Amino acid sequence: MRITSPTGPPSQAAIVLLGTVIVALTASVSAHVIRGLEFPGLATAFVSSPTSGADALIPIRWNTTDSGLRVVCFNVANTSLPRADRPERPRVVGAGFELPGTRAGFALLAPLDGDWQIVEGARVSLEGHGEVTLDFAVVVNPANEGRGRRHEPLGISPGQAAVRGSGTRFCVSGPFPDELIPGQPTTIEQILNGVVVACRGVDGNNGGRDLGGWDNPARVIPLFP
């Protein structure tokens, strides 16, 4: 990724910004602890790649022809404490991702039970950071929300462990970048640096919502201005 001034060499601000993004991308992580931006003690999650911090993207090819598409799998666990009045809440109802540039053509490969769907180009307002654009997000399917599941609403249930493999496994195909840092193959954990997790039913309010990001000083918002 290169950030340059339109009229000459990189400005000091651009250099600082580029350095900040690289710090975020190279931060040593084995998974991502997520905290809500409004209710950090009530809305929490744990997002991880399938087996290790070095998990690579899977290319989709026909013989030697590269489609340009990659598959990324990741787990989302809802580590929020269950509410005393409604132990089935809060629910994690979405996970979206910031990527460099403008990208489209993402598809949900798993799970395919109809409870989840892909949304592209979603703009979300993050407490204290303004609006950011998520290239894609996996969100609960509103078509299935009114089917009489009052005590087991859609989304990921609370009280799950903050360990790799916990929660729900998602697999998504799309035009993921092969390199976020020049010369270094992209890892799934680098993709997860730009995650935004949505929770519903927070703070004693069934409709109460919160959005959270990676709980790390290296996480700048937006990650790719």
Protein backbone atom coordinates (compact mmCIF):
# COMPACT_ATOMS: atom_id res chain seq x y z
CA MET A 1 0.00 0.00 0.00
CA ARG A 2 1.36 3.41 -0.94
CA ILE A 3 0.11 6.80 0.25
CA THR A 4 1.44 9.79 -1.67
CA SER A 5 0.66 13.44 -2.07
CA PRO A 6 -1.14 14.14 -5.36
CA THR A 7 1.33 16.95 -6.13
CA GLY A 8 4.65 15.56 -5.01
CA PRO A 9 6.44 13.32 -2.54
CA PRO A 10 4.63 11.92 0.51
CA SER A 11 3.60 14.53 3.04
CA GLN A 12 4.59 14.23 6.68
CA ALA A 13 0.97 13.44 7.59
CA ALA A 14 0.82 10.69 4.94
CA ILE A 15 4.07 9.16 6.19
CA VAL A 16 2.78 9.14 9.76
CA LEU A 17 -0.52 7.62 8.60
CA LEU A 18 1.25 4.92 6.60
CA GLY A 19 3.44 4.11 9.59
CA THR A 20 0.39 3.82 11.83
CA VAL A 21 -1.35 1.43 9.41
CA ILE A 22 1.78 -0.73 9.11
CA VAL A 23 2.05 -0.89 12.91
CA ALA A 24 -1.55 -2.11 13.03
CA LEU A 25 -0.96 -4.71 10.34
CA THR A 26 2.26 -6.04 11.86
CA ALA A 27 1.10 -6.06 15.49
CA SER A 28 1.85 -9.48 16.98
CA VAL A 29 -1.50 -11.18 17.64
CA SER A 30 -2.80 -14.70 17.88
CA ALA A 31 -6.44 -13.58 17.94
CA HIS A 32 -8.50 -10.45 18.51
CA VAL A 33 -10.26 -9.38 21.70
CA ILE A 34 -13.18 -7.09 20.79
CA ARG A 35 -14.80 -4.53 23.09
CA GLY A 36 -17.84 -2.37 22.47
CA LEU A 37 -17.11 1.31 21.98
CA GLU A 38 -20.08 2.41 24.13
CA PHE A 39 -20.32 -0.50 26.59
CA PRO A 40 -16.82 -2.07 26.66
CA GLY A 41 -17.62 -4.07 29.79
CA LEU A 42 -20.92 -5.45 28.49
CA ALA A 43 -20.37 -6.12 24.78
CA THR A 44 -17.28 -8.25 24.10
CA ALA A 45 -16.22 -10.81 21.50
CA PHE A 46 -13.26 -12.91 20.41
CA VAL A 47 -12.40 -13.19 16.71
CA SER A 48 -9.71 -15.57 15.47
CA SER A 49 -8.33 -17.38 12.43
CA PRO A 50 -8.97 -21.16 12.35
CA THR A 51 -5.68 -22.69 13.55
CA SER A 52 -2.96 -20.09 14.19
CA GLY A 53 -1.93 -16.49 13.79
CA ALA A 54 -0.14 -17.42 10.55
CA ASP A 55 -3.16 -18.90 8.71
CA ALA A 56 -3.01 -17.91 5.04
CA LEU A 57 -5.75 -16.98 2.60
CA ILE A 58 -6.83 -19.85 0.32
CA PRO A 59 -6.67 -19.01 -3.41
CA ILE A 60 -9.41 -20.21 -5.76
CA ARG A 61 -7.83 -21.62 -8.92
CA TRP A 62 -8.72 -23.72 -11.95
CA ASN A 63 -5.59 -25.72 -12.78
CA THR A 64 -3.01 -22.93 -13.12
CA THR A 65 -5.53 -20.12 -13.66
CA ASP A 66 -5.91 -17.85 -10.66
CA SER A 67 -9.43 -16.45 -10.26
CA GLY A 68 -8.21 -13.55 -8.15
CA LEU A 69 -10.60 -14.69 -5.40
CA ARG A 70 -9.49 -15.89 -1.99
CA VAL A 71 -11.24 -17.72 0.85
CA VAL A 72 -10.97 -16.48 4.43
CA CYS A 73 -12.36 -18.45 7.39
CA PHE A 74 -12.61 -17.07 10.91
CA ASN A 75 -14.39 -17.74 14.20
CA VAL A 76 -16.50 -15.24 16.12
CA ALA A 77 -17.23 -16.00 19.79
CA ASN A 78 -19.57 -13.89 21.91
CA THR A 79 -17.69 -13.50 25.20
CA SER A 80 -20.22 -11.04 26.67
CA LEU A 81 -21.64 -12.03 30.04
CA PRO A 82 -25.28 -13.15 29.77
CA ARG A 83 -27.73 -10.60 31.12
CA ALA A 84 -29.32 -11.49 34.46
CA ASP A 85 -32.83 -10.68 33.15
CA ARG A 86 -32.38 -12.17 29.68
CA PRO A 87 -29.57 -14.76 29.70
CA GLU A 88 -29.91 -15.29 25.94
CA ARG A 89 -28.71 -11.69 25.39
CA PRO A 90 -26.69 -9.76 24.26
CA ARG A 91 -26.22 -11.38 20.86
CA VAL A 92 -23.46 -10.84 18.33
CA VAL A 93 -25.40 -10.06 15.16
CA GLY A 94 -22.67 -9.10 12.71
CA ALA A 95 -18.98 -8.89 11.91
CA GLY A 96 -17.74 -6.51 9.22
CA PHE A 97 -14.30 -5.70 7.85
CA GLU A 98 -12.34 -2.72 6.60
CA LEU A 99 -10.05 -3.48 3.65
CA PRO A 100 -7.87 -1.19 1.52
CA GLY A 101 -9.45 0.29 -1.59
CA THR A 102 -12.98 -0.40 -2.76
CA ARG A 103 -13.83 -4.08 -3.11
CA ALA A 104 -16.95 -6.02 -4.05
CA GLY A 105 -17.93 -9.56 -4.95
CA PHE A 106 -17.87 -11.26 -1.56
CA ALA A 107 -19.90 -14.43 -0.94
CA LEU A 108 -20.75 -16.37 2.21
CA LEU A 109 -19.58 -19.99 1.93
CA ALA A 110 -20.42 -21.09 5.49
CA PRO A 111 -22.65 -21.31 7.40
CA LEU A 112 -25.41 -21.77 4.84
CA ASP A 113 -28.34 -22.29 7.22
CA GLY A 114 -30.04 -19.06 6.11
CA ASP A 115 -29.47 -17.26 9.41
CA TRP A 116 -26.60 -15.15 8.00
CA GLN A 117 -26.02 -13.08 4.89
CA ILE A 118 -23.36 -10.85 3.30
CA VAL A 119 -23.76 -7.08 3.04
CA GLU A 120 -21.24 -5.04 1.03
CA GLY A 121 -20.22 -1.40 1.39
CA ALA A 122 -21.97 -0.89 4.73
CA ARG A 123 -21.36 2.49 6.37
CA VAL A 124 -21.42 2.37 10.16
CA SER A 125 -21.07 5.06 12.80
CA LEU A 126 -18.51 4.16 15.47
CA GLU A 127 -18.65 5.92 18.82
CA GLY A 128 -15.88 8.54 18.97
CA HIS A 129 -14.62 7.80 15.44
CA GLY A 130 -17.35 8.88 13.02
CA GLU A 131 -18.39 6.82 10.01
CA VAL A 132 -16.36 4.08 8.36
CA THR A 133 -17.12 1.88 5.36
CA LEU A 134 -16.99 -1.89 5.78
CA ASP A 135 -16.15 -3.62 2.51
CA PHE A 136 -18.28 -6.54 3.61
CA ALA A 137 -20.11 -7.70 6.70
CA VAL A 138 -21.65 -11.01 7.74
CA VAL A 139 -24.94 -10.11 9.45
CA VAL A 140 -28.03 -11.90 10.69
CA ASN A 141 -30.61 -12.41 7.96
CA PRO A 142 -33.60 -10.16 8.72
CA ALA A 143 -35.85 -12.50 6.73
CA ASN A 144 -35.49 -15.08 9.51
CA GLU A 145 -35.83 -12.81 12.53
CA GLY A 146 -39.60 -13.01 12.91
CA ARG A 147 -40.02 -16.73 13.18
CA GLY A 148 -40.93 -17.09 16.84
CA ARG A 149 -37.50 -17.40 18.46
CA ARG A 150 -38.08 -15.07 21.41
CA HIS A 151 -35.97 -17.17 23.80
CA GLU A 152 -33.33 -18.06 21.23
CA PRO A 153 -33.01 -15.02 18.93
CA LEU A 154 -30.77 -14.95 15.88
CA GLY A 155 -27.09 -14.25 16.35
CA ILE A 156 -24.31 -15.71 18.46
CA SER A 157 -25.22 -16.42 22.08
CA PRO A 158 -23.28 -14.90 25.02
CA GLY A 159 -21.03 -16.61 27.54
CA GLN A 160 -18.64 -18.25 25.05
CA ALA A 161 -14.97 -18.83 25.73
CA ALA A 162 -12.25 -16.51 24.45
CA VAL A 163 -10.30 -19.31 22.77
CA ARG A 164 -9.51 -20.14 19.15
CA GLY A 165 -12.24 -22.26 17.58
CA SER A 166 -14.95 -21.02 19.94
CA GLY A 167 -18.18 -19.57 18.61
CA THR A 168 -19.35 -19.64 15.00
CA ARG A 169 -17.07 -20.40 12.03
CA PHE A 170 -17.58 -18.20 8.97
CA CYS A 171 -15.98 -18.71 5.55
CA VAL A 172 -16.13 -15.94 2.94
CA SER A 173 -14.81 -15.77 -0.62
CA GLY A 174 -13.91 -12.52 -2.32
CA PRO A 175 -11.22 -10.23 -3.70
CA PHE A 176 -9.07 -10.20 -0.58
CA PRO A 177 -5.64 -8.54 -1.05
CA ASP A 178 -2.68 -10.91 -1.40
CA GLU A 179 -0.41 -8.36 0.32
CA LEU A 180 -1.35 -5.75 2.90
CA ILE A 181 2.35 -5.04 3.44
CA PRO A 182 4.52 -5.16 0.28
CA GLY A 183 6.46 -8.41 0.08
CA GLN A 184 4.50 -10.14 2.86
CA PRO A 185 1.65 -12.56 2.10
CA THR A 186 -1.55 -11.55 3.83
CA THR A 187 -2.61 -13.61 6.84
CA ILE A 188 -6.16 -14.02 8.08
CA GLU A 189 -5.22 -12.34 11.35
CA GLN A 190 -4.16 -9.23 9.38
CA ILE A 191 -7.61 -9.19 7.76
CA LEU A 192 -9.13 -9.42 11.24
CA ASN A 193 -7.32 -6.25 12.34
CA GLY A 194 -10.06 -4.29 10.59
CA VAL A 195 -12.99 -6.13 12.15
CA VAL A 196 -16.07 -4.37 13.57
CA VAL A 197 -18.45 -6.53 15.63
CA ALA A 198 -22.12 -5.64 16.19
CA CYS A 199 -24.01 -6.60 19.37
CA ARG A 200 -27.72 -6.34 20.08
CA GLY A 201 -29.60 -6.48 23.38
CA VAL A 202 -26.93 -4.65 25.39
CA ASP A 203 -27.31 -2.77 28.68
CA GLY A 204 -30.74 -3.97 29.77
CA ASN A 205 -32.35 -3.01 26.48
CA ASN A 206 -33.40 -5.78 24.09
CA GLY A 207 -32.88 -3.42 21.15
CA GLY A 208 -29.76 -1.82 22.65
CA ARG A 209 -26.91 -1.94 20.17
CA ASP A 210 -23.16 -1.51 20.33
CA LEU A 211 -20.34 -1.72 17.83
CA GLY A 212 -16.88 -2.83 18.89
CA GLY A 213 -13.39 -3.09 17.48
CA TRP A 214 -10.09 -4.76 18.26
CA ASP A 215 -9.05 -3.81 21.80
CA ASN A 216 -5.47 -2.81 20.95
CA PRO A 217 -3.76 0.61 20.77
CA ALA A 218 -2.54 -0.35 17.29
CA ARG A 219 -6.15 -0.40 16.01
CA VAL A 220 -6.74 2.92 14.29
CA ILE A 221 -10.23 3.73 13.00
CA PRO A 222 -10.57 3.88 10.09
CA LEU A 223 -7.78 1.40 9.42
CA PHE A 224 -7.59 2.27 5.72
CA PRO A 225 -8.59 5.94 5.29
